[in-house]
Amino acid sequence: MLDALASMLANADFWSAVLRIATPLVFGTVGVLLCERVGVLNLGIEGIMVAGAFTGWLAVHAGAGLWTGVLVAAVTGALFGLLHGILTVPLALSQHVSGLGITMFATAVAYYAYRVSFPNVSTPPTIATFAEMSWLGVPVLAAQTPMTLVAIALVPLVAWVLYRTPLGLALRMVGENPAAAEGQGLSVYALRIGSIAAGSALMGVAGAFLTLSAFNSFFFNMVNGRGWICVALVVFAGWRPGKALFGALLFAFFDAMQLRLQQSDAGALPYQAWLMLPYVLSILALVAVARRASYPQALMRPYRKGER
């Protein structure tokens, strides 16, 4: 077992797999973070990722370019985010109920649209996906697609916006004390809905990575709970973009490790034990840091104009 683990850690292919697995988690986690930083929980991420995966793939299948497919997925996510924002911000409905409703609605719409678009297809059609960047000199990066570099660059960009710009200060104020933000002349509703739409757009892009980069087709259940992992990773990260990237890489490390350990030592333990390994280790890591996490004080608290 130890020899297999040492050999795995010394293999560049293993670290390439870690980055590849982490990419949709980075997009999704940053998306959730943008929503929660302004005080809104978005449990619609799972369905938004499914919808983004389908619409991005369908656009490319219809003849659009790959980056156009990514844009379509982002717009799809933003539209579902806009719906969630309207329901939870000015209408002040339950964020839990609205989010779960968005997940079920977006998933059902995507599956229905797939069945309508391909009624007589038993095998999902395939597309030409993003190519690996083999021209890069670093083996781990050379095995990735451009979407992975975009995900990595997204983290410092969001961190800079949140902590170095007036817009970021306004977003954080809305998530901490919306009454104070309103007192400064800021529109709490506009900032919250805008941030939810932006975060949901990133969730759609996370789904698009699966169909335009990781795989070459759309199939049911391909998101496979990644959205819920992103929600947990935001707590693990303490609502900070840099730690969110670390958390995504940590979970991806556990996931890539279990895949290889399952293959190298499949006879010693049932494969289910290896499958649950990344989730068990992630839960332990979450428990270790969550108690010290400082969450936005207005998270999940509806706000009505003029109230104090």
C-alpha atoms as a PDB file:
ATOM      1  CA  MET A   1       0.000   0.000   0.000  1.00  0.00           C
ATOM      2  CA  LEU A   2       2.741   2.469   0.954  1.00  0.00           C
ATOM      3  CA  ASP A   3       4.722   1.623  -2.180  1.00  0.00           C
ATOM      4  CA  ALA A   4       1.649   2.212  -4.321  1.00  0.00           C
ATOM      5  CA  LEU A   5       1.005   5.545  -2.578  1.00  0.00           C
ATOM      6  CA  ALA A   6       4.610   6.709  -3.026  1.00  0.00           C
ATOM      7  CA  SER A   7       4.588   5.710  -6.690  1.00  0.00           C
ATOM      8  CA  MET A   8       1.314   7.556  -7.200  1.00  0.00           C
ATOM      9  CA  LEU A   9       2.565  10.790  -5.626  1.00  0.00           C
ATOM     10  CA  ALA A  10       5.667  10.743  -7.829  1.00  0.00           C
ATOM     11  CA  ASN A  11       3.609  10.410 -11.000  1.00  0.00           C
ATOM     12  CA  ALA A  12       2.872  13.576 -12.984  1.00  0.00           C
ATOM     13  CA  ASP A  13      -0.303  11.975 -14.363  1.00  0.00           C
ATOM     14  CA  PHE A  14      -1.694  11.842 -10.834  1.00  0.00           C
ATOM     15  CA  TRP A  15      -1.232  15.575 -10.300  1.00  0.00           C
ATOM     16  CA  SER A  16      -2.698  16.252 -13.729  1.00  0.00           C
ATOM     17  CA  ALA A  17      -5.786  14.332 -12.639  1.00  0.00           C
ATOM     18  CA  VAL A  18      -5.954  16.379  -9.418  1.00  0.00           C
ATOM     19  CA  LEU A  19      -6.062  19.640 -11.399  1.00  0.00           C
ATOM     20  CA  ARG A  20      -8.617  18.235 -13.824  1.00  0.00           C
ATOM     21  CA  ILE A  21     -10.937  17.030 -11.050  1.00  0.00           C
ATOM     22  CA  ALA A  22     -10.547  20.320  -9.161  1.00  0.00           C
ATOM     23  CA  THR A  23     -11.435  22.596 -12.086  1.00  0.00           C
ATOM     24  CA  PRO A  24     -15.268  22.353 -11.947  1.00  0.00           C
ATOM     25  CA  LEU A  25     -15.069  22.529  -8.155  1.00  0.00           C
ATOM     26  CA  VAL A  26     -13.110  25.800  -8.371  1.00  0.00           C
ATOM     27  CA  PHE A  27     -15.694  27.378 -10.688  1.00  0.00           C
ATOM     28  CA  GLY A  28     -18.579  26.150  -8.553  1.00  0.00           C
ATOM     29  CA  THR A  29     -17.027  27.047  -5.201  1.00  0.00           C
ATOM     30  CA  VAL A  30     -16.180  30.589  -6.277  1.00  0.00           C
ATOM     31  CA  GLY A  31     -19.740  30.878  -7.585  1.00  0.00           C
ATOM     32  CA  VAL A  32     -21.213  29.805  -4.252  1.00  0.00           C
ATOM     33  CA  LEU A  33     -18.817  32.141  -2.453  1.00  0.00           C
ATOM     34  CA  LEU A  34     -20.024  35.149  -4.468  1.00  0.00           C
ATOM     35  CA  CYS A  35     -23.610  34.332  -3.535  1.00  0.00           C
ATOM     36  CA  GLU A  36     -22.935  33.783   0.145  1.00  0.00           C
ATOM     37  CA  ARG A  37     -20.666  36.820   0.472  1.00  0.00           C
ATOM     38  CA  VAL A  38     -23.735  38.982  -0.106  1.00  0.00           C
ATOM     39  CA  GLY A  39     -25.819  36.931   2.325  1.00  0.00           C
ATOM     40  CA  VAL A  40     -27.678  34.498   0.048  1.00  0.00           C
ATOM     41  CA  LEU A  41     -27.366  30.715   0.171  1.00  0.00           C
ATOM     42  CA  ASN A  42     -27.687  29.196  -3.301  1.00  0.00           C
ATOM     43  CA  LEU A  43     -28.575  25.509  -3.127  1.00  0.00           C
ATOM     44  CA  GLY A  44     -29.540  25.652  -6.787  1.00  0.00           C
ATOM     45  CA  ILE A  45     -25.942  24.954  -7.776  1.00  0.00           C
ATOM     46  CA  GLU A  46     -26.459  21.266  -8.534  1.00  0.00           C
ATOM     47  CA  GLY A  47     -29.249  21.957 -11.021  1.00  0.00           C
ATOM     48  CA  ILE A  48     -27.498  25.018 -12.453  1.00  0.00           C
ATOM     49  CA  MET A  49     -24.424  22.898 -13.168  1.00  0.00           C
ATOM     50  CA  VAL A  50     -26.609  20.329 -14.955  1.00  0.00           C
ATOM     51  CA  ALA A  51     -28.279  23.059 -17.027  1.00  0.00           C
ATOM     52  CA  GLY A  52     -24.934  24.665 -17.854  1.00  0.00           C
ATOM     53  CA  ALA A  53     -23.465  21.330 -18.866  1.00  0.00           C
ATOM     54  CA  PHE A  54     -26.382  20.654 -21.205  1.00  0.00           C
ATOM     55  CA  THR A  55     -26.808  24.086 -22.814  1.00  0.00           C
ATOM     56  CA  GLY A  56     -23.070  24.563 -23.368  1.00  0.00           C
ATOM     57  CA  TRP A  57     -22.783  21.121 -24.943  1.00  0.00           C
ATOM     58  CA  LEU A  58     -25.947  21.582 -27.027  1.00  0.00           C
ATOM     59  CA  ALA A  59     -24.680  24.911 -28.402  1.00  0.00           C
ATOM     60  CA  VAL A  60     -21.404  23.308 -29.521  1.00  0.00           C
ATOM     61  CA  HIS A  61     -23.253  20.301 -30.922  1.00  0.00           C
ATOM     62  CA  ALA A  62     -25.389  22.734 -32.949  1.00  0.00           C
ATOM     63  CA  GLY A  63     -22.263  24.254 -34.509  1.00  0.00           C
ATOM     64  CA  ALA A  64     -21.166  26.989 -32.100  1.00  0.00           C
ATOM     65  CA  GLY A  65     -17.565  27.394 -30.992  1.00  0.00           C
ATOM     66  CA  LEU A  66     -16.330  25.991 -27.707  1.00  0.00           C
ATOM     67  CA  TRP A  67     -15.961  29.380 -26.029  1.00  0.00           C
ATOM     68  CA  THR A  68     -19.438  30.278 -27.270  1.00  0.00           C
ATOM     69  CA  GLY A  69     -20.642  27.117 -25.541  1.00  0.00           C
ATOM     70  CA  VAL A  70     -19.009  28.316 -22.322  1.00  0.00           C
ATOM     71  CA  LEU A  71     -20.735  31.683 -22.719  1.00  0.00           C
ATOM     72  CA  VAL A  72     -24.105  30.001 -23.299  1.00  0.00           C
ATOM     73  CA  ALA A  73     -23.603  27.944 -20.129  1.00  0.00           C
ATOM     74  CA  ALA A  74     -22.720  31.110 -18.192  1.00  0.00           C
ATOM     75  CA  VAL A  75     -25.832  32.907 -19.449  1.00  0.00           C
ATOM     76  CA  THR A  76     -27.950  29.870 -18.544  1.00  0.00           C
ATOM     77  CA  GLY A  77     -26.535  29.884 -15.033  1.00  0.00           C
ATOM     78  CA  ALA A  78     -27.039  33.638 -14.696  1.00  0.00           C
ATOM     79  CA  LEU A  79     -30.711  33.324 -15.685  1.00  0.00           C
ATOM     80  CA  PHE A  80     -31.369  30.674 -13.058  1.00  0.00           C
ATOM     81  CA  GLY A  81     -29.417  32.796 -10.579  1.00  0.00           C
ATOM     82  CA  LEU A  82     -31.562  35.795 -11.473  1.00  0.00           C
ATOM     83  CA  LEU A  83     -34.673  33.742 -10.736  1.00  0.00           C
ATOM     84  CA  HIS A  84     -33.239  32.645  -7.396  1.00  0.00           C
ATOM     85  CA  GLY A  85     -32.258  36.224  -6.601  1.00  0.00           C
ATOM     86  CA  ILE A  86     -35.744  37.587  -7.311  1.00  0.00           C
ATOM     87  CA  LEU A  87     -37.349  34.899  -5.172  1.00  0.00           C
ATOM     88  CA  THR A  88     -35.017  35.343  -2.194  1.00  0.00           C
ATOM     89  CA  VAL A  89     -34.078  39.040  -2.173  1.00  0.00           C
ATOM     90  CA  PRO A  90     -37.081  41.307  -2.911  1.00  0.00           C
ATOM     91  CA  LEU A  91     -39.658  38.560  -2.261  1.00  0.00           C
ATOM     92  CA  ALA A  92     -37.704  37.272   0.790  1.00  0.00           C
ATOM     93  CA  LEU A  93     -38.722  33.641   0.263  1.00  0.00           C
ATOM     94  CA  SER A  94     -36.864  30.805   1.968  1.00  0.00           C
ATOM     95  CA  GLN A  95     -33.397  30.515   0.491  1.00  0.00           C
ATOM     96  CA  HIS A  96     -33.325  26.776   1.180  1.00  0.00           C
ATOM     97  CA  VAL A  97     -36.648  26.091  -0.523  1.00  0.00           C
ATOM     98  CA  SER A  98     -35.897  28.362  -3.478  1.00  0.00           C
ATOM     99  CA  GLY A  99     -32.449  26.843  -3.997  1.00  0.00           C
ATOM    100  CA  LEU A 100     -33.684  23.265  -3.891  1.00  0.00           C
ATOM    101  CA  GLY A 101     -36.537  24.254  -6.196  1.00  0.00           C
ATOM    102  CA  ILE A 102     -34.040  25.745  -8.669  1.00  0.00           C
ATOM    103  CA  THR A 103     -32.021  22.513  -8.548  1.00  0.00           C
ATOM    104  CA  MET A 104     -35.053  20.360  -9.326  1.00  0.00           C
ATOM    105  CA  PHE A 105     -36.395  22.771 -11.956  1.00  0.00           C
ATOM    106  CA  ALA A 106     -33.077  23.254 -13.793  1.00  0.00           C
ATOM    107  CA  THR A 107     -32.309  19.533 -13.751  1.00  0.00           C
ATOM    108  CA  ALA A 108     -35.764  18.619 -15.028  1.00  0.00           C
ATOM    109  CA  VAL A 109     -35.619  21.238 -17.790  1.00  0.00           C
ATOM    110  CA  ALA A 110     -32.191  20.020 -18.937  1.00  0.00           C
ATOM    111  CA  TYR A 111     -33.228  16.350 -18.975  1.00  0.00           C
ATOM    112  CA  TYR A 112     -36.500  17.138 -20.749  1.00  0.00           C
ATOM    113  CA  ALA A 113     -34.740  19.289 -23.348  1.00  0.00           C
ATOM    114  CA  TYR A 114     -32.244  16.497 -23.965  1.00  0.00           C
ATOM    115  CA  ARG A 115     -35.025  13.963 -24.543  1.00  0.00           C
ATOM    116  CA  VAL A 116     -36.850  16.360 -26.868  1.00  0.00           C
ATOM    117  CA  SER A 117     -33.666  17.214 -28.796  1.00  0.00           C
ATOM    118  CA  PHE A 118     -32.543  13.585 -29.164  1.00  0.00           C
ATOM    119  CA  PRO A 119     -35.675  11.416 -28.944  1.00  0.00           C
ATOM    120  CA  ASN A 120     -34.328   8.377 -30.796  1.00  0.00           C
ATOM    121  CA  VAL A 121     -30.724   8.356 -29.590  1.00  0.00           C
ATOM    122  CA  SER A 122     -29.538   5.545 -27.334  1.00  0.00           C
ATOM    123  CA  THR A 123     -25.919   6.739 -27.125  1.00  0.00           C
ATOM    124  CA  PRO A 124     -25.255  10.426 -26.332  1.00  0.00           C
ATOM    125  CA  PRO A 125     -23.816  12.300 -29.340  1.00  0.00           C
ATOM    126  CA  THR A 126     -20.236  13.500 -28.972  1.00  0.00           C
ATOM    127  CA  ILE A 127     -18.491  16.771 -29.776  1.00  0.00           C
ATOM    128  CA  ALA A 128     -14.906  17.919 -30.243  1.00  0.00           C
ATOM    129  CA  THR A 129     -13.818  19.279 -26.861  1.00  0.00           C
ATOM    130  CA  PHE A 130     -11.101  21.693 -25.767  1.00  0.00           C
ATOM    131  CA  ALA A 131      -7.671  20.308 -26.631  1.00  0.00           C
ATOM    132  CA  GLU A 132      -4.945  19.802 -24.071  1.00  0.00           C
ATOM    133  CA  MET A 133      -2.296  22.524 -23.940  1.00  0.00           C
ATOM    134  CA  SER A 134       0.548  20.219 -24.978  1.00  0.00           C
ATOM    135  CA  TRP A 135       2.624  23.232 -26.014  1.00  0.00           C
ATOM    136  CA  LEU A 136       3.231  24.105 -22.369  1.00  0.00           C
ATOM    137  CA  GLY A 137       6.529  22.892 -20.976  1.00  0.00           C
ATOM    138  CA  VAL A 138       5.174  21.821 -17.564  1.00  0.00           C
ATOM    139  CA  PRO A 139       3.794  18.244 -17.829  1.00  0.00           C
ATOM    140  CA  VAL A 140       1.036  18.776 -15.260  1.00  0.00           C
ATOM    141  CA  LEU A 141      -0.259  21.894 -17.042  1.00  0.00           C
ATOM    142  CA  ALA A 142       0.295  20.468 -20.520  1.00  0.00           C
ATOM    143  CA  ALA A 143      -2.333  17.823 -19.790  1.00  0.00           C
ATOM    144  CA  GLN A 144      -4.968  20.474 -18.975  1.00  0.00           C
ATOM    145  CA  THR A 145      -7.346  22.438 -21.187  1.00  0.00           C
ATOM    146  CA  PRO A 146      -7.633  26.257 -21.257  1.00  0.00           C
ATOM    147  CA  MET A 147     -10.644  26.129 -18.924  1.00  0.00           C
ATOM    148  CA  THR A 148      -8.382  24.946 -16.099  1.00  0.00           C
ATOM    149  CA  LEU A 149      -6.146  27.988 -16.503  1.00  0.00           C
ATOM    150  CA  VAL A 150      -9.247  30.201 -16.483  1.00  0.00           C
ATOM    151  CA  ALA A 151     -10.390  28.585 -13.223  1.00  0.00           C
ATOM    152  CA  ILE A 152      -7.000  29.124 -11.587  1.00  0.00           C
ATOM    153  CA  ALA A 153      -6.821  32.753 -12.765  1.00  0.00           C
ATOM    154  CA  LEU A 154     -10.361  33.345 -11.529  1.00  0.00           C
ATOM    155  CA  VAL A 155      -9.388  32.904  -7.873  1.00  0.00           C
ATOM    156  CA  PRO A 156      -6.920  35.831  -7.540  1.00  0.00           C
ATOM    157  CA  LEU A 157      -9.206  37.957  -9.720  1.00  0.00           C
ATOM    158  CA  VAL A 158     -12.197  37.425  -7.405  1.00  0.00           C
ATOM    159  CA  ALA A 159      -9.990  37.928  -4.344  1.00  0.00           C
ATOM    160  CA  TRP A 160      -8.749  41.215  -5.771  1.00  0.00           C
ATOM    161  CA  VAL A 161     -12.280  42.401  -6.508  1.00  0.00           C
ATOM    162  CA  LEU A 162     -13.550  41.442  -3.042  1.00  0.00           C
ATOM    163  CA  TYR A 163     -10.680  42.898  -1.014  1.00  0.00           C
ATOM    164  CA  ARG A 164      -9.142  45.628  -3.162  1.00  0.00           C
ATOM    165  CA  THR A 165     -12.011  47.405  -4.905  1.00  0.00           C
ATOM    166  CA  PRO A 166     -14.971  49.563  -3.822  1.00  0.00           C
ATOM    167  CA  LEU A 167     -17.308  47.022  -5.413  1.00  0.00           C
ATOM    168  CA  GLY A 168     -15.860  44.255  -3.259  1.00  0.00           C
ATOM    169  CA  LEU A 169     -16.233  46.378  -0.142  1.00  0.00           C
ATOM    170  CA  ALA A 170     -19.868  47.025  -1.040  1.00  0.00           C
ATOM    171  CA  LEU A 171     -20.536  43.322  -1.609  1.00  0.00           C
ATOM    172  CA  ARG A 172     -18.982  42.370   1.708  1.00  0.00           C
ATOM    173  CA  MET A 173     -20.889  45.111   3.517  1.00  0.00           C
ATOM    174  CA  VAL A 174     -24.165  43.850   2.085  1.00  0.00           C
ATOM    175  CA  GLY A 175     -23.335  40.380   3.381  1.00  0.00           C
ATOM    176  CA  GLU A 176     -22.363  41.617   6.819  1.00  0.00           C
ATOM    177  CA  ASN A 177     -24.708  44.535   7.525  1.00  0.00           C
ATOM    178  CA  PRO A 178     -27.201  45.357   4.756  1.00  0.00           C
ATOM    179  CA  ALA A 179     -28.790  48.151   6.796  1.00  0.00           C
ATOM    180  CA  ALA A 180     -25.424  49.921   6.992  1.00  0.00           C
ATOM    181  CA  ALA A 181     -24.953  49.426   3.261  1.00  0.00           C
ATOM    182  CA  GLU A 182     -28.335  50.972   2.574  1.00  0.00           C
ATOM    183  CA  GLY A 183     -27.415  53.842   4.865  1.00  0.00           C
ATOM    184  CA  GLN A 184     -24.417  54.528   2.612  1.00  0.00           C
ATOM    185  CA  GLY A 185     -26.710  54.844  -0.382  1.00  0.00           C
ATOM    186  CA  LEU A 186     -26.037  51.375  -1.788  1.00  0.00           C
ATOM    187  CA  SER A 187     -28.773  49.267  -3.336  1.00  0.00           C
ATOM    188  CA  VAL A 188     -28.855  46.060  -1.307  1.00  0.00           C
ATOM    189  CA  TYR A 189     -31.241  44.396  -3.755  1.00  0.00           C
ATOM    190  CA  ALA A 190     -29.156  45.232  -6.831  1.00  0.00           C
ATOM    191  CA  LEU A 191     -25.892  44.133  -5.260  1.00  0.00           C
ATOM    192  CA  ARG A 192     -27.331  40.880  -3.982  1.00  0.00           C
ATOM    193  CA  ILE A 193     -29.127  39.951  -7.190  1.00  0.00           C
ATOM    194  CA  GLY A 194     -26.135  40.930  -9.323  1.00  0.00           C
ATOM    195  CA  SER A 195     -23.741  38.866  -7.216  1.00  0.00           C
ATOM    196  CA  ILE A 196     -26.107  35.873  -7.263  1.00  0.00           C
ATOM    197  CA  ALA A 197     -26.353  36.086 -11.058  1.00  0.00           C
ATOM    198  CA  ALA A 198     -22.550  36.317 -11.405  1.00  0.00           C
ATOM    199  CA  GLY A 199     -21.987  33.417  -9.026  1.00  0.00           C
ATOM    200  CA  SER A 200     -24.606  31.324 -10.791  1.00  0.00           C
ATOM    201  CA  ALA A 201     -22.949  32.066 -14.139  1.00  0.00           C
ATOM    202  CA  LEU A 202     -19.775  30.491 -12.754  1.00  0.00           C
ATOM    203  CA  MET A 203     -21.824  27.481 -11.650  1.00  0.00           C
ATOM    204  CA  GLY A 204     -23.035  27.117 -15.225  1.00  0.00           C
ATOM    205  CA  VAL A 205     -19.437  27.272 -16.446  1.00  0.00           C
ATOM    206  CA  ALA A 206     -18.543  24.570 -13.923  1.00  0.00           C
ATOM    207  CA  GLY A 207     -21.104  22.328 -15.562  1.00  0.00           C
ATOM    208  CA  ALA A 208     -19.872  23.262 -19.033  1.00  0.00           C
ATOM    209  CA  PHE A 209     -16.376  22.086 -18.109  1.00  0.00           C
ATOM    210  CA  LEU A 210     -17.733  18.566 -17.738  1.00  0.00           C
ATOM    211  CA  THR A 211     -19.197  18.416 -21.248  1.00  0.00           C
ATOM    212  CA  LEU A 212     -16.741  20.653 -23.123  1.00  0.00           C
ATOM    213  CA  SER A 213     -13.484  19.618 -21.495  1.00  0.00           C
ATOM    214  CA  ALA A 214     -13.598  16.616 -19.171  1.00  0.00           C
ATOM    215  CA  PHE A 215     -15.987  14.567 -21.352  1.00  0.00           C
ATOM    216  CA  ASN A 216     -17.293  14.987 -24.893  1.00  0.00           C
ATOM    217  CA  SER A 217     -21.013  14.364 -24.379  1.00  0.00           C
ATOM    218  CA  PHE A 218     -23.887  15.026 -22.008  1.00  0.00           C
ATOM    219  CA  PHE A 219     -25.357  12.242 -19.927  1.00  0.00           C
ATOM    220  CA  PHE A 220     -27.662  12.065 -16.943  1.00  0.00           C
ATOM    221  CA  ASN A 221     -26.202  12.305 -13.435  1.00  0.00           C
ATOM    222  CA  MET A 222     -22.852  13.528 -14.750  1.00  0.00           C
ATOM    223  CA  VAL A 223     -22.671  16.327 -12.153  1.00  0.00           C
ATOM    224  CA  ASN A 224     -22.866  13.603  -9.495  1.00  0.00           C
ATOM    225  CA  GLY A 225     -23.088  15.752  -6.371  1.00  0.00           C
ATOM    226  CA  ARG A 226     -20.268  18.153  -7.238  1.00  0.00           C
ATOM    227  CA  GLY A 227     -22.549  21.088  -6.465  1.00  0.00           C
ATOM    228  CA  TRP A 228     -23.065  19.982  -2.871  1.00  0.00           C
ATOM    229  CA  ILE A 229     -19.305  19.534  -2.497  1.00  0.00           C
ATOM    230  CA  CYS A 230     -18.855  23.160  -3.594  1.00  0.00           C
ATOM    231  CA  VAL A 231     -21.283  24.351  -0.906  1.00  0.00           C
ATOM    232  CA  ALA A 232     -19.255  22.485   1.729  1.00  0.00           C
ATOM    233  CA  LEU A 233     -15.949  23.788   0.336  1.00  0.00           C
ATOM    234  CA  VAL A 234     -17.060  27.386   0.858  1.00  0.00           C
ATOM    235  CA  VAL A 235     -17.485  26.669   4.571  1.00  0.00           C
ATOM    236  CA  PHE A 236     -14.120  24.889   4.607  1.00  0.00           C
ATOM    237  CA  ALA A 237     -12.566  27.961   2.970  1.00  0.00           C
ATOM    238  CA  GLY A 238     -14.041  30.378   5.489  1.00  0.00           C
ATOM    239  CA  TRP A 239     -15.588  32.308   2.570  1.00  0.00           C
ATOM    240  CA  ARG A 240     -12.142  33.222   1.179  1.00  0.00           C
ATOM    241  CA  PRO A 241     -11.245  32.608  -2.502  1.00  0.00           C
ATOM    242  CA  GLY A 242      -7.662  31.474  -1.862  1.00  0.00           C
ATOM    243  CA  LYS A 243      -8.683  28.861   0.666  1.00  0.00           C
ATOM    244  CA  ALA A 244     -11.510  27.821  -1.659  1.00  0.00           C
ATOM    245  CA  LEU A 245      -8.913  26.921  -4.290  1.00  0.00           C
ATOM    246  CA  PHE A 246      -6.980  24.945  -1.683  1.00  0.00           C
ATOM    247  CA  GLY A 247     -10.134  23.120  -0.597  1.00  0.00           C
ATOM    248  CA  ALA A 248     -11.020  22.197  -4.186  1.00  0.00           C
ATOM    249  CA  LEU A 249      -7.507  20.861  -4.762  1.00  0.00           C
ATOM    250  CA  LEU A 250      -7.640  18.949  -1.477  1.00  0.00           C
ATOM    251  CA  PHE A 251     -10.884  17.194  -2.373  1.00  0.00           C
ATOM    252  CA  ALA A 252      -9.587  16.515  -5.885  1.00  0.00           C
ATOM    253  CA  PHE A 253      -6.431  15.020  -4.347  1.00  0.00           C
ATOM    254  CA  PHE A 254      -8.504  12.623  -2.237  1.00  0.00           C
ATOM    255  CA  ASP A 255     -10.698  11.731  -5.215  1.00  0.00           C
ATOM    256  CA  ALA A 256      -7.770  11.080  -7.559  1.00  0.00           C
ATOM    257  CA  MET A 257      -6.080   9.066  -4.830  1.00  0.00           C
ATOM    258  CA  GLN A 258      -9.060   6.778  -4.263  1.00  0.00           C
ATOM    259  CA  LEU A 259      -9.340   6.071  -7.989  1.00  0.00           C
ATOM    260  CA  ARG A 260      -5.752   4.878  -8.149  1.00  0.00           C
ATOM    261  CA  LEU A 261      -5.778   3.011  -4.849  1.00  0.00           C
ATOM    262  CA  GLN A 262      -8.954   1.257  -5.950  1.00  0.00           C
ATOM    263  CA  GLN A 263      -7.169   0.019  -9.058  1.00  0.00           C
ATOM    264  CA  SER A 264      -3.946  -0.966  -7.314  1.00  0.00           C
ATOM    265  CA  ASP A 265      -5.459  -2.727  -4.303  1.00  0.00           C
ATOM    266  CA  ALA A 266      -8.982  -3.590  -5.407  1.00  0.00           C
ATOM    267  CA  GLY A 267      -8.936  -7.029  -3.834  1.00  0.00           C
ATOM    268  CA  ALA A 268      -8.076  -5.925  -0.304  1.00  0.00           C
ATOM    269  CA  LEU A 269     -11.089  -3.711   0.319  1.00  0.00           C
ATOM    270  CA  PRO A 270     -14.517  -3.353  -1.332  1.00  0.00           C
ATOM    271  CA  TYR A 271     -14.515  -0.615  -3.972  1.00  0.00           C
ATOM    272  CA  GLN A 272     -17.197   1.225  -1.978  1.00  0.00           C
ATOM    273  CA  ALA A 273     -14.613   1.876   0.741  1.00  0.00           C
ATOM    274  CA  TRP A 274     -12.393   3.672  -1.750  1.00  0.00           C
ATOM    275  CA  LEU A 275     -15.344   5.586  -3.210  1.00  0.00           C
ATOM    276  CA  MET A 276     -16.269   7.044   0.170  1.00  0.00           C
ATOM    277  CA  LEU A 277     -12.649   7.919   1.051  1.00  0.00           C
ATOM    278  CA  PRO A 278     -12.593  11.480  -0.407  1.00  0.00           C
ATOM    279  CA  TYR A 279     -15.911  12.310   1.267  1.00  0.00           C
ATOM    280  CA  VAL A 280     -14.847  10.977   4.669  1.00  0.00           C
ATOM    281  CA  LEU A 281     -11.530  12.821   4.547  1.00  0.00           C
ATOM    282  CA  SER A 282     -13.245  15.995   3.349  1.00  0.00           C
ATOM    283  CA  ILE A 283     -15.776  15.818   6.199  1.00  0.00           C
ATOM    284  CA  LEU A 284     -12.949  15.460   8.703  1.00  0.00           C
ATOM    285  CA  ALA A 285     -11.154  18.442   7.203  1.00  0.00           C
ATOM    286  CA  LEU A 286     -14.400  20.437   7.208  1.00  0.00           C
ATOM    287  CA  VAL A 287     -15.040  19.655  10.873  1.00  0.00           C
ATOM    288  CA  ALA A 288     -11.481  20.664  11.746  1.00  0.00           C
ATOM    289  CA  VAL A 289     -11.774  24.167  10.284  1.00  0.00           C
ATOM    290  CA  ALA A 290     -15.495  25.001  10.238  1.00  0.00           C
ATOM    291  CA  ARG A 291     -15.708  25.830  13.942  1.00  0.00           C
ATOM    292  CA  ARG A 292     -13.185  28.626  13.460  1.00  0.00           C
ATOM    293  CA  ALA A 293     -14.782  29.941  10.246  1.00  0.00           C
ATOM    294  CA  SER A 294     -16.131  33.499  10.253  1.00  0.00           C
ATOM    295  CA  TYR A 295     -19.281  33.492   8.147  1.00  0.00           C
ATOM    296  CA  PRO A 296     -21.048  36.575   6.701  1.00  0.00           C
ATOM    297  CA  GLN A 297     -23.285  37.850   9.480  1.00  0.00           C
ATOM    298  CA  ALA A 298     -26.283  38.454   7.202  1.00  0.00           C
ATOM    299  CA  LEU A 299     -26.099  35.036   5.536  1.00  0.00           C
ATOM    300  CA  MET A 300     -29.606  33.586   5.003  1.00  0.00           C
ATOM    301  CA  ARG A 301     -31.204  36.638   6.600  1.00  0.00           C
ATOM    302  CA  PRO A 302     -33.767  38.315   4.336  1.00  0.00           C
ATOM    303  CA  TYR A 303     -33.622  42.095   4.167  1.00  0.00           C
ATOM    304  CA  ARG A 304     -36.419  44.537   3.448  1.00  0.00           C
ATOM    305  CA  LYS A 305     -35.767  48.133   2.513  1.00  0.00           C
ATOM    306  CA  GLY A 306     -36.158  50.579   5.336  1.00  0.00           C
ATOM    307  CA  GLU A 307     -35.982  47.946   8.089  1.00  0.00           C
ATOM    308  CA  ARG A 308     -33.427  48.259  10.866  1.00  0.00           C
END
